[in-house]
Every structure is written in structure tokens, then in C-alpha cells.
Amino acid sequence: EHIPAYSPEARGRRGGRQKPADPGRPGT
């Protein structure tokens, strides 16, 4: 699926340091 971003804020969602997924959790 190809999802378009409709605002700079939407594309900026990926930025910043956030808590990564737990490597011990199944499926991550």
C-alpha cells in the first residue's frame, strides 16, 4: 500500500526520538 502525506507535519511524524518497539515482544 502506498500512502501519501498531505502535510509537512504528517511526514514529520517519523522524526524525533521515541520509544522503539520492544525486541522481546513477539512480532516486533
mmCIF file of all heavy atoms, coordinates in Angstrom:
data_MODEL
# 
_entry.id   MODEL 
# 
loop_
_atom_site.group_PDB 
_atom_site.id 
_atom_site.type_symbol 
_atom_site.label_atom_id 
_atom_site.label_alt_id 
_atom_site.label_comp_id 
_atom_site.label_asym_id 
_atom_site.label_entity_id 
_atom_site.label_seq_id 
_atom_site.pdbx_PDB_ins_code 
_atom_site.Cartn_x 
_atom_site.Cartn_y 
_atom_site.Cartn_z 
_atom_site.occupancy 
_atom_site.B_iso_or_equiv 
_atom_site.pdbx_formal_charge 
_atom_site.auth_seq_id 
_atom_site.auth_comp_id 
_atom_site.auth_asym_id 
_atom_site.auth_atom_id 
_atom_site.pdbx_PDB_model_num 
ATOM 1   N N   . GLU A 1 1  ? 0.845  -1.198  0.000  1.00 0.00 ? 1  GLU A N   1 
ATOM 2   C CA  . GLU A 1 1  ? 0.000  0.000   0.000  1.00 0.00 ? 1  GLU A CA  1 
ATOM 3   C C   . GLU A 1 1  ? 0.883  1.251   0.000  1.00 0.00 ? 1  GLU A C   1 
ATOM 4   O O   . GLU A 1 1  ? 1.825  1.355   0.787  1.00 0.00 ? 1  GLU A O   1 
ATOM 5   C CB  . GLU A 1 1  ? -0.909 0.003   1.228  1.00 0.00 ? 1  GLU A CB  1 
ATOM 6   C CG  . GLU A 1 1  ? -1.839 1.194   1.289  1.00 0.00 ? 1  GLU A CG  1 
ATOM 7   C CD  . GLU A 1 1  ? -2.679 1.240   2.550  1.00 0.00 ? 1  GLU A CD  1 
ATOM 8   O OE1 . GLU A 1 1  ? -2.434 0.414   3.451  1.00 0.00 ? 1  GLU A OE1 1 
ATOM 9   O OE2 . GLU A 1 1  ? -3.563 2.110   2.647  1.00 0.00 ? 1  GLU A OE2 1 
ATOM 10  N N   . HIS A 1 2  ? 0.565  2.210   -0.863 1.00 0.00 ? 2  HIS A N   1 
ATOM 11  C CA  . HIS A 1 2  ? 1.332  3.454   -0.943 1.00 0.00 ? 2  HIS A CA  1 
ATOM 12  C C   . HIS A 1 2  ? 0.473  4.580   -0.373 1.00 0.00 ? 2  HIS A C   1 
ATOM 13  O O   . HIS A 1 2  ? -0.590 4.901   -0.914 1.00 0.00 ? 2  HIS A O   1 
ATOM 14  C CB  . HIS A 1 2  ? 1.705  3.750   -2.400 1.00 0.00 ? 2  HIS A CB  1 
ATOM 15  C CG  . HIS A 1 2  ? 2.764  4.789   -2.542 1.00 0.00 ? 2  HIS A CG  1 
ATOM 16  N ND1 . HIS A 1 2  ? 3.200  5.267   -3.759 1.00 0.00 ? 2  HIS A ND1 1 
ATOM 17  C CD2 . HIS A 1 2  ? 3.489  5.457   -1.605 1.00 0.00 ? 2  HIS A CD2 1 
ATOM 18  C CE1 . HIS A 1 2  ? 4.138  6.166   -3.563 1.00 0.00 ? 2  HIS A CE1 1 
ATOM 19  N NE2 . HIS A 1 2  ? 4.332  6.302   -2.272 1.00 0.00 ? 2  HIS A NE2 1 
ATOM 20  N N   . ILE A 1 3  ? 0.931  5.198   0.710  1.00 0.00 ? 3  ILE A N   1 
ATOM 21  C CA  . ILE A 1 3  ? 0.155  6.194   1.442  1.00 0.00 ? 3  ILE A CA  1 
ATOM 22  C C   . ILE A 1 3  ? 0.787  7.560   1.248  1.00 0.00 ? 3  ILE A C   1 
ATOM 23  O O   . ILE A 1 3  ? 1.960  7.760   1.583  1.00 0.00 ? 3  ILE A O   1 
ATOM 24  C CB  . ILE A 1 3  ? 0.091  5.851   2.939  1.00 0.00 ? 3  ILE A CB  1 
ATOM 25  C CG1 . ILE A 1 3  ? -0.471 4.443   3.124  1.00 0.00 ? 3  ILE A CG1 1 
ATOM 26  C CG2 . ILE A 1 3  ? -0.742 6.875   3.694  1.00 0.00 ? 3  ILE A CG2 1 
ATOM 27  C CD1 . ILE A 1 3  ? -0.385 3.939   4.548  1.00 0.00 ? 3  ILE A CD1 1 
ATOM 28  N N   . PRO A 1 4  ? 0.036  8.553   0.720  1.00 0.00 ? 4  PRO A N   1 
ATOM 29  C CA  . PRO A 1 4  ? 0.600  9.895   0.529  1.00 0.00 ? 4  PRO A CA  1 
ATOM 30  C C   . PRO A 1 4  ? 0.473  10.753  1.788  1.00 0.00 ? 4  PRO A C   1 
ATOM 31  O O   . PRO A 1 4  ? -0.519 10.651  2.524  1.00 0.00 ? 4  PRO A O   1 
ATOM 32  C CB  . PRO A 1 4  ? -0.264 10.464  -0.603 1.00 0.00 ? 4  PRO A CB  1 
ATOM 33  C CG  . PRO A 1 4  ? -1.602 9.802   -0.416 1.00 0.00 ? 4  PRO A CG  1 
ATOM 34  C CD  . PRO A 1 4  ? -1.310 8.428   0.136  1.00 0.00 ? 4  PRO A CD  1 
ATOM 35  N N   . ALA A 1 5  ? 1.461  11.589  2.032  1.00 0.00 ? 5  ALA A N   1 
ATOM 36  C CA  . ALA A 1 5  ? 1.404  12.544  3.138  1.00 0.00 ? 5  ALA A CA  1 
ATOM 37  C C   . ALA A 1 5  ? 0.779  13.839  2.632  1.00 0.00 ? 5  ALA A C   1 
ATOM 38  O O   . ALA A 1 5  ? 1.143  14.323  1.567  1.00 0.00 ? 5  ALA A O   1 
ATOM 39  C CB  . ALA A 1 5  ? 2.804  12.812  3.681  1.00 0.00 ? 5  ALA A CB  1 
ATOM 40  N N   . TYR A 1 6  ? -0.151 14.402  3.419  1.00 0.00 ? 6  TYR A N   1 
ATOM 41  C CA  . TYR A 1 6  ? -0.836 15.620  2.982  1.00 0.00 ? 6  TYR A CA  1 
ATOM 42  C C   . TYR A 1 6  ? -0.433 16.850  3.792  1.00 0.00 ? 6  TYR A C   1 
ATOM 43  O O   . TYR A 1 6  ? -1.069 17.888  3.686  1.00 0.00 ? 6  TYR A O   1 
ATOM 44  C CB  . TYR A 1 6  ? -2.353 15.415  3.059  1.00 0.00 ? 6  TYR A CB  1 
ATOM 45  C CG  . TYR A 1 6  ? -2.879 14.651  1.864  1.00 0.00 ? 6  TYR A CG  1 
ATOM 46  C CD1 . TYR A 1 6  ? -3.052 13.281  1.917  1.00 0.00 ? 6  TYR A CD1 1 
ATOM 47  C CD2 . TYR A 1 6  ? -3.163 15.299  0.670  1.00 0.00 ? 6  TYR A CD2 1 
ATOM 48  C CE1 . TYR A 1 6  ? -3.503 12.576  0.822  1.00 0.00 ? 6  TYR A CE1 1 
ATOM 49  C CE2 . TYR A 1 6  ? -3.616 14.607  -0.434 1.00 0.00 ? 6  TYR A CE2 1 
ATOM 50  C CZ  . TYR A 1 6  ? -3.783 13.247  -0.351 1.00 0.00 ? 6  TYR A CZ  1 
ATOM 51  O OH  . TYR A 1 6  ? -4.235 12.547  -1.448 1.00 0.00 ? 6  TYR A OH  1 
ATOM 52  N N   . SER A 1 7  ? 0.595  16.734  4.585  1.00 0.00 ? 7  SER A N   1 
ATOM 53  C CA  . SER A 1 7  ? 1.095  17.922  5.289  1.00 0.00 ? 7  SER A CA  1 
ATOM 54  C C   . SER A 1 7  ? 2.524  17.665  5.738  1.00 0.00 ? 7  SER A C   1 
ATOM 55  O O   . SER A 1 7  ? 2.923  16.514  5.953  1.00 0.00 ? 7  SER A O   1 
ATOM 56  C CB  . SER A 1 7  ? 0.231  18.227  6.515  1.00 0.00 ? 7  SER A CB  1 
ATOM 57  O OG  . SER A 1 7  ? 0.462  17.274  7.535  1.00 0.00 ? 7  SER A OG  1 
ATOM 58  N N   . PRO A 1 8  ? 3.321  18.718  5.888  1.00 0.00 ? 8  PRO A N   1 
ATOM 59  C CA  . PRO A 1 8  ? 4.674  18.533  6.415  1.00 0.00 ? 8  PRO A CA  1 
ATOM 60  C C   . PRO A 1 8  ? 4.650  17.902  7.802  1.00 0.00 ? 8  PRO A C   1 
ATOM 61  O O   . PRO A 1 8  ? 5.534  17.135  8.160  1.00 0.00 ? 8  PRO A O   1 
ATOM 62  C CB  . PRO A 1 8  ? 5.235  19.960  6.452  1.00 0.00 ? 8  PRO A CB  1 
ATOM 63  C CG  . PRO A 1 8  ? 4.420  20.721  5.456  1.00 0.00 ? 8  PRO A CG  1 
ATOM 64  C CD  . PRO A 1 8  ? 3.046  20.114  5.524  1.00 0.00 ? 8  PRO A CD  1 
ATOM 65  N N   . GLU A 1 9  ? 3.608  18.236  8.597  1.00 0.00 ? 9  GLU A N   1 
ATOM 66  C CA  . GLU A 1 9  ? 3.501  17.678  9.939  1.00 0.00 ? 9  GLU A CA  1 
ATOM 67  C C   . GLU A 1 9  ? 3.315  16.170  9.886  1.00 0.00 ? 9  GLU A C   1 
ATOM 68  O O   . GLU A 1 9  ? 3.845  15.424  10.713 1.00 0.00 ? 9  GLU A O   1 
ATOM 69  C CB  . GLU A 1 9  ? 2.332  18.311  10.693 1.00 0.00 ? 9  GLU A CB  1 
ATOM 70  C CG  . GLU A 1 9  ? 2.516  19.783  11.022 1.00 0.00 ? 9  GLU A CG  1 
ATOM 71  C CD  . GLU A 1 9  ? 2.235  20.692  9.829  1.00 0.00 ? 9  GLU A CD  1 
ATOM 72  O OE1 . GLU A 1 9  ? 1.778  20.182  8.783  1.00 0.00 ? 9  GLU A OE1 1 
ATOM 73  O OE2 . GLU A 1 9  ? 2.474  21.906  9.943  1.00 0.00 ? 9  GLU A OE2 1 
ATOM 74  N N   . ALA A 1 10 ? 2.556  15.707  8.887  1.00 0.00 ? 10 ALA A N   1 
ATOM 75  C CA  . ALA A 1 10 ? 2.312  14.268  8.763  1.00 0.00 ? 10 ALA A CA  1 
ATOM 76  C C   . ALA A 1 10 ? 3.602  13.537  8.452  1.00 0.00 ? 10 ALA A C   1 
ATOM 77  O O   . ALA A 1 10 ? 3.909  12.498  9.034  1.00 0.00 ? 10 ALA A O   1 
ATOM 78  C CB  . ALA A 1 10 ? 1.270  13.998  7.671  1.00 0.00 ? 10 ALA A CB  1 
ATOM 79  N N   . ARG A 1 11 ? 4.402  14.107  7.519  1.00 0.00 ? 11 ARG A N   1 
ATOM 80  C CA  . ARG A 1 11 ? 5.670  13.466  7.193  1.00 0.00 ? 11 ARG A CA  1 
ATOM 81  C C   . ARG A 1 11 ? 6.636  13.558  8.357  1.00 0.00 ? 11 ARG A C   1 
ATOM 82  O O   . ARG A 1 11 ? 7.482  12.698  8.538  1.00 0.00 ? 11 ARG A O   1 
ATOM 83  C CB  . ARG A 1 11 ? 6.276  14.113  5.946  1.00 0.00 ? 11 ARG A CB  1 
ATOM 84  C CG  . ARG A 1 11 ? 5.552  13.720  4.678  1.00 0.00 ? 11 ARG A CG  1 
ATOM 85  C CD  . ARG A 1 11 ? 6.239  14.276  3.467  1.00 0.00 ? 11 ARG A CD  1 
ATOM 86  N NE  . ARG A 1 11 ? 6.011  15.700  3.311  1.00 0.00 ? 11 ARG A NE  1 
ATOM 87  C CZ  . ARG A 1 11 ? 6.964  16.601  3.161  1.00 0.00 ? 11 ARG A CZ  1 
ATOM 88  N NH1 . ARG A 1 11 ? 8.219  16.230  3.155  1.00 0.00 ? 11 ARG A NH1 1 
ATOM 89  N NH2 . ARG A 1 11 ? 6.674  17.873  3.011  1.00 0.00 ? 11 ARG A NH2 1 
ATOM 90  N N   . GLY A 1 12 ? 6.506  14.617  9.164  1.00 0.00 ? 12 GLY A N   1 
ATOM 91  C CA  . GLY A 1 12 ? 7.385  14.773  10.313 1.00 0.00 ? 12 GLY A CA  1 
ATOM 92  C C   . GLY A 1 12 ? 7.094  13.819  11.440 1.00 0.00 ? 12 GLY A C   1 
ATOM 93  O O   . GLY A 1 12 ? 7.826  13.756  12.413 1.00 0.00 ? 12 GLY A O   1 
ATOM 94  N N   . ARG A 1 13 ? 6.027  13.038  11.318 1.00 0.00 ? 13 ARG A N   1 
ATOM 95  C CA  . ARG A 1 13 ? 5.667  12.061  12.336 1.00 0.00 ? 13 ARG A CA  1 
ATOM 96  C C   . ARG A 1 13 ? 6.809  11.092  12.627 1.00 0.00 ? 13 ARG A C   1 
ATOM 97  O O   . ARG A 1 13 ? 6.996  10.641  13.734 1.00 0.00 ? 13 ARG A O   1 
ATOM 98  C CB  . ARG A 1 13 ? 4.422  11.286  11.873 1.00 0.00 ? 13 ARG A CB  1 
ATOM 99  C CG  . ARG A 1 13 ? 4.179  9.949   12.566 1.00 0.00 ? 13 ARG A CG  1 
ATOM 100 C CD  . ARG A 1 13 ? 3.886  10.151  14.045 1.00 0.00 ? 13 ARG A CD  1 
ATOM 101 N NE  . ARG A 1 13 ? 3.761  8.862   14.703 1.00 0.00 ? 13 ARG A NE  1 
ATOM 102 C CZ  . ARG A 1 13 ? 4.788  8.154   15.124 1.00 0.00 ? 13 ARG A CZ  1 
ATOM 103 N NH1 . ARG A 1 13 ? 6.024  8.604   14.938 1.00 0.00 ? 13 ARG A NH1 1 
ATOM 104 N NH2 . ARG A 1 13 ? 4.610  7.010   15.738 1.00 0.00 ? 13 ARG A NH2 1 
ATOM 105 N N   . ARG A 1 14 ? 7.607  10.805  11.612 1.00 0.00 ? 14 ARG A N   1 
ATOM 106 C CA  . ARG A 1 14 ? 8.658  9.811   11.795 1.00 0.00 ? 14 ARG A CA  1 
ATOM 107 C C   . ARG A 1 14 ? 9.851  10.375  12.536 1.00 0.00 ? 14 ARG A C   1 
ATOM 108 O O   . ARG A 1 14 ? 10.733 9.654   12.946 1.00 0.00 ? 14 ARG A O   1 
ATOM 109 C CB  . ARG A 1 14 ? 9.120  9.269   10.447 1.00 0.00 ? 14 ARG A CB  1 
ATOM 110 C CG  . ARG A 1 14 ? 9.820  10.309  9.599  1.00 0.00 ? 14 ARG A CG  1 
ATOM 111 C CD  . ARG A 1 14 ? 10.012 9.821   8.176  1.00 0.00 ? 14 ARG A CD  1 
ATOM 112 N NE  . ARG A 1 14 ? 10.761 10.751  7.373  1.00 0.00 ? 14 ARG A NE  1 
ATOM 113 C CZ  . ARG A 1 14 ? 10.268 11.893  6.907  1.00 0.00 ? 14 ARG A CZ  1 
ATOM 114 N NH1 . ARG A 1 14 ? 9.028  12.215  7.174  1.00 0.00 ? 14 ARG A NH1 1 
ATOM 115 N NH2 . ARG A 1 14 ? 11.001 12.697  6.177  1.00 0.00 ? 14 ARG A NH2 1 
ATOM 116 N N   . GLY A 1 15 ? 9.917  11.707  12.688 1.00 0.00 ? 15 GLY A N   1 
ATOM 117 C CA  . GLY A 1 15 ? 11.082 12.316  13.306 1.00 0.00 ? 15 GLY A CA  1 
ATOM 118 C C   . GLY A 1 15 ? 11.034 12.239  14.819 1.00 0.00 ? 15 GLY A C   1 
ATOM 119 O O   . GLY A 1 15 ? 10.041 11.870  15.438 1.00 0.00 ? 15 GLY A O   1 
ATOM 120 N N   . GLY A 1 16 ? 12.110 12.644  15.439 1.00 0.00 ? 16 GLY A N   1 
ATOM 121 C CA  . GLY A 1 16 ? 12.162 12.682  16.888 1.00 0.00 ? 16 GLY A CA  1 
ATOM 122 C C   . GLY A 1 16 ? 12.532 11.330  17.482 1.00 0.00 ? 16 GLY A C   1 
ATOM 123 O O   . GLY A 1 16 ? 12.336 10.292  16.885 1.00 0.00 ? 16 GLY A O   1 
ATOM 124 N N   . ARG A 1 17 ? 13.037 11.376  18.689 1.00 0.00 ? 17 ARG A N   1 
ATOM 125 C CA  . ARG A 1 17 ? 13.412 10.138  19.365 1.00 0.00 ? 17 ARG A CA  1 
ATOM 126 C C   . ARG A 1 17 ? 12.214 9.644   20.140 1.00 0.00 ? 17 ARG A C   1 
ATOM 127 O O   . ARG A 1 17 ? 11.697 10.317  21.018 1.00 0.00 ? 17 ARG A O   1 
ATOM 128 C CB  . ARG A 1 17 ? 14.605 10.376  20.292 1.00 0.00 ? 17 ARG A CB  1 
ATOM 129 C CG  . ARG A 1 17 ? 15.856 10.792  19.553 1.00 0.00 ? 17 ARG A CG  1 
ATOM 130 C CD  . ARG A 1 17 ? 17.007 10.951  20.521 1.00 0.00 ? 17 ARG A CD  1 
ATOM 131 N NE  . ARG A 1 17 ? 17.290 9.729   21.245 1.00 0.00 ? 17 ARG A NE  1 
ATOM 132 C CZ  . ARG A 1 17 ? 18.046 8.749   20.779 1.00 0.00 ? 17 ARG A CZ  1 
ATOM 133 N NH1 . ARG A 1 17 ? 18.551 8.837   19.571 1.00 0.00 ? 17 ARG A NH1 1 
ATOM 134 N NH2 . ARG A 1 17 ? 18.281 7.671   21.488 1.00 0.00 ? 17 ARG A NH2 1 
ATOM 135 N N   . GLN A 1 18 ? 11.787 8.449   19.841 1.00 0.00 ? 18 GLN A N   1 
ATOM 136 C CA  . GLN A 1 18 ? 10.644 7.867   20.508 1.00 0.00 ? 18 GLN A CA  1 
ATOM 137 C C   . GLN A 1 18 ? 11.009 6.468   20.961 1.00 0.00 ? 18 GLN A C   1 
ATOM 138 O O   . GLN A 1 18 ? 11.961 5.858   20.478 1.00 0.00 ? 18 GLN A O   1 
ATOM 139 C CB  . GLN A 1 18 ? 9.427  7.818   19.581 1.00 0.00 ? 18 GLN A CB  1 
ATOM 140 C CG  . GLN A 1 18 ? 9.034  9.210   19.111 1.00 0.00 ? 18 GLN A CG  1 
ATOM 141 C CD  . GLN A 1 18 ? 7.772  9.163   18.308 1.00 0.00 ? 18 GLN A CD  1 
ATOM 142 O OE1 . GLN A 1 18 ? 7.027  8.212   18.367 1.00 0.00 ? 18 GLN A OE1 1 
ATOM 143 N NE2 . GLN A 1 18 ? 7.516  10.206  17.561 1.00 0.00 ? 18 GLN A NE2 1 
ATOM 144 N N   . LYS A 1 19 ? 10.207 5.945   21.855 1.00 0.00 ? 19 LYS A N   1 
ATOM 145 C CA  . LYS A 1 19 ? 10.492 4.623   22.395 1.00 0.00 ? 19 LYS A CA  1 
ATOM 146 C C   . LYS A 1 19 ? 10.370 3.578   21.308 1.00 0.00 ? 19 LYS A C   1 
ATOM 147 O O   . LYS A 1 19 ? 9.316  3.443   20.700 1.00 0.00 ? 19 LYS A O   1 
ATOM 148 C CB  . LYS A 1 19 ? 9.510  4.318   23.523 1.00 0.00 ? 19 LYS A CB  1 
ATOM 149 C CG  . LYS A 1 19 ? 9.782  2.974   24.196 1.00 0.00 ? 19 LYS A CG  1 
ATOM 150 C CD  . LYS A 1 19 ? 8.799  2.739   25.311 1.00 0.00 ? 19 LYS A CD  1 
ATOM 151 C CE  . LYS A 1 19 ? 9.052  1.369   25.967 1.00 0.00 ? 19 LYS A CE  1 
ATOM 152 N NZ  . LYS A 1 19 ? 8.084  1.108   27.052 1.00 0.00 ? 19 LYS A NZ  1 
ATOM 153 N N   . PRO A 1 20 ? 11.418 2.808   21.024 1.00 0.00 ? 20 PRO A N   1 
ATOM 154 C CA  . PRO A 1 20 ? 11.334 1.794   19.972 1.00 0.00 ? 20 PRO A CA  1 
ATOM 155 C C   . PRO A 1 20 ? 10.498 0.614   20.424 1.00 0.00 ? 20 PRO A C   1 
ATOM 156 O O   . PRO A 1 20 ? 10.225 0.439   21.610 1.00 0.00 ? 20 PRO A O   1 
ATOM 157 C CB  . PRO A 1 20 ? 12.797 1.387   19.761 1.00 0.00 ? 20 PRO A CB  1 
ATOM 158 C CG  . PRO A 1 20 ? 13.432 1.635   21.095 1.00 0.00 ? 20 PRO A CG  1 
ATOM 159 C CD  . PRO A 1 20 ? 12.752 2.845   21.666 1.00 0.00 ? 20 PRO A CD  1 
ATOM 160 N N   . ALA A 1 21 ? 10.098 -0.206  19.461 1.00 0.00 ? 21 ALA A N   1 
ATOM 161 C CA  . ALA A 1 21 ? 9.333  -1.397  19.794 1.00 0.00 ? 21 ALA A CA  1 
ATOM 162 C C   . ALA A 1 21 ? 10.179 -2.328  20.636 1.00 0.00 ? 21 ALA A C   1 
ATOM 163 O O   . ALA A 1 21 ? 11.399 -2.400  20.508 1.00 0.00 ? 21 ALA A O   1 
ATOM 164 C CB  . ALA A 1 21 ? 8.892  -2.104  18.514 1.00 0.00 ? 21 ALA A CB  1 
ATOM 165 N N   . ASP A 1 22 ? 9.553  -3.056  21.544 1.00 0.00 ? 22 ASP A N   1 
ATOM 166 C CA  . ASP A 1 22 ? 10.235 -3.958  22.451 1.00 0.00 ? 22 ASP A CA  1 
ATOM 167 C C   . ASP A 1 22 ? 10.748 -5.172  21.685 1.00 0.00 ? 22 ASP A C   1 
ATOM 168 O O   . ASP A 1 22 ? 9.952  -5.955  21.154 1.00 0.00 ? 22 ASP A O   1 
ATOM 169 C CB  . ASP A 1 22 ? 9.250  -4.398  23.536 1.00 0.00 ? 22 ASP A CB  1 
ATOM 170 C CG  . ASP A 1 22 ? 9.905  -5.312  24.562 1.00 0.00 ? 22 ASP A CG  1 
ATOM 171 O OD1 . ASP A 1 22 ? 11.119 -5.570  24.437 1.00 0.00 ? 22 ASP A OD1 1 
ATOM 172 O OD2 . ASP A 1 22 ? 9.195  -5.770  25.475 1.00 0.00 ? 22 ASP A OD2 1 
ATOM 173 N N   . PRO A 1 23 ? 12.045 -5.387  21.597 1.00 0.00 ? 23 PRO A N   1 
ATOM 174 C CA  . PRO A 1 23 ? 12.565 -6.521  20.824 1.00 0.00 ? 23 PRO A CA  1 
ATOM 175 C C   . PRO A 1 23 ? 12.170 -7.861  21.413 1.00 0.00 ? 23 PRO A C   1 
ATOM 176 O O   . PRO A 1 23 ? 12.209 -8.874  20.749 1.00 0.00 ? 23 PRO A O   1 
ATOM 177 C CB  . PRO A 1 23 ? 14.087 -6.312  20.852 1.00 0.00 ? 23 PRO A CB  1 
ATOM 178 C CG  . PRO A 1 23 ? 14.334 -5.472  22.048 1.00 0.00 ? 23 PRO A CG  1 
ATOM 179 C CD  . PRO A 1 23 ? 13.134 -4.585  22.181 1.00 0.00 ? 23 PRO A CD  1 
ATOM 180 N N   . GLY A 1 24 ? 11.782 -7.887  22.699 1.00 0.00 ? 24 GLY A N   1 
ATOM 181 C CA  . GLY A 1 24 ? 11.372 -9.138  23.311 1.00 0.00 ? 24 GLY A CA  1 
ATOM 182 C C   . GLY A 1 24 ? 9.914  -9.466  23.107 1.00 0.00 ? 24 GLY A C   1 
ATOM 183 O O   . GLY A 1 24 ? 9.456  -10.551 23.464 1.00 0.00 ? 24 GLY A O   1 
ATOM 184 N N   . ARG A 1 25 ? 9.174  -8.524  22.548 1.00 0.00 ? 25 ARG A N   1 
ATOM 185 C CA  . ARG A 1 25 ? 7.746  -8.746  22.341 1.00 0.00 ? 25 ARG A CA  1 
ATOM 186 C C   . ARG A 1 25 ? 7.523  -9.504  21.045 1.00 0.00 ? 25 ARG A C   1 
ATOM 187 O O   . ARG A 1 25 ? 8.054  -9.138  20.007 1.00 0.00 ? 25 ARG A O   1 
ATOM 188 C CB  . ARG A 1 25 ? 7.035  -7.390  22.279 1.00 0.00 ? 25 ARG A CB  1 
ATOM 189 C CG  . ARG A 1 25 ? 5.560  -7.472  21.947 1.00 0.00 ? 25 ARG A CG  1 
ATOM 190 C CD  . ARG A 1 25 ? 4.956  -6.103  22.175 1.00 0.00 ? 25 ARG A CD  1 
ATOM 191 N NE  . ARG A 1 25 ? 3.636  -6.030  21.566 1.00 0.00 ? 25 ARG A NE  1 
ATOM 192 C CZ  . ARG A 1 25 ? 3.389  -5.368  20.452 1.00 0.00 ? 25 ARG A CZ  1 
ATOM 193 N NH1 . ARG A 1 25 ? 4.361  -4.750  19.830 1.00 0.00 ? 25 ARG A NH1 1 
ATOM 194 N NH2 . ARG A 1 25 ? 2.163  -5.318  19.950 1.00 0.00 ? 25 ARG A NH2 1 
ATOM 195 N N   . PRO A 1 26 ? 6.742  -10.574 21.054 1.00 0.00 ? 26 PRO A N   1 
ATOM 196 C CA  . PRO A 1 26 ? 6.519  -11.339 19.822 1.00 0.00 ? 26 PRO A CA  1 
ATOM 197 C C   . PRO A 1 26 ? 5.967  -10.456 18.727 1.00 0.00 ? 26 PRO A C   1 
ATOM 198 O O   . PRO A 1 26 ? 5.057  -9.672  18.941 1.00 0.00 ? 26 PRO A O   1 
ATOM 199 C CB  . PRO A 1 26 ? 5.485  -12.395 20.245 1.00 0.00 ? 26 PRO A CB  1 
ATOM 200 C CG  . PRO A 1 26 ? 5.657  -12.526 21.730 1.00 0.00 ? 26 PRO A CG  1 
ATOM 201 C CD  . PRO A 1 26 ? 6.038  -11.156 22.204 1.00 0.00 ? 26 PRO A CD  1 
ATOM 202 N N   . GLY A 1 27 ? 6.557  -10.583 17.538 1.00 0.00 ? 27 GLY A N   1 
ATOM 203 C CA  . GLY A 1 27 ? 6.029  -9.858  16.394 1.00 0.00 ? 27 GLY A CA  1 
ATOM 204 C C   . GLY A 1 27 ? 6.673  -8.522  16.140 1.00 0.00 ? 27 GLY A C   1 
ATOM 205 O O   . GLY A 1 27 ? 6.363  -7.865  15.170 1.00 0.00 ? 27 GLY A O   1 
ATOM 206 N N   . THR A 1 28 ? 7.593  -8.058  17.021 1.00 0.00 ? 28 THR A N   1 
ATOM 207 C CA  . THR A 1 28 ? 8.167  -6.746  16.785 1.00 0.00 ? 28 THR A CA  1 
ATOM 208 C C   . THR A 1 28 ? 9.363  -6.791  15.847 1.00 0.00 ? 28 THR A C   1 
ATOM 209 O O   . THR A 1 28 ? 9.697  -5.790  15.250 1.00 0.00 ? 28 THR A O   1 
ATOM 210 C CB  . THR A 1 28 ? 8.622  -6.098  18.116 1.00 0.00 ? 28 THR A CB  1 
ATOM 211 O OG1 . THR A 1 28 ? 9.528  -6.973  18.772 1.00 0.00 ? 28 THR A OG1 1 
ATOM 212 C CG2 . THR A 1 28 ? 7.420  -5.844  19.007 1.00 0.00 ? 28 THR A CG2 1 
# 
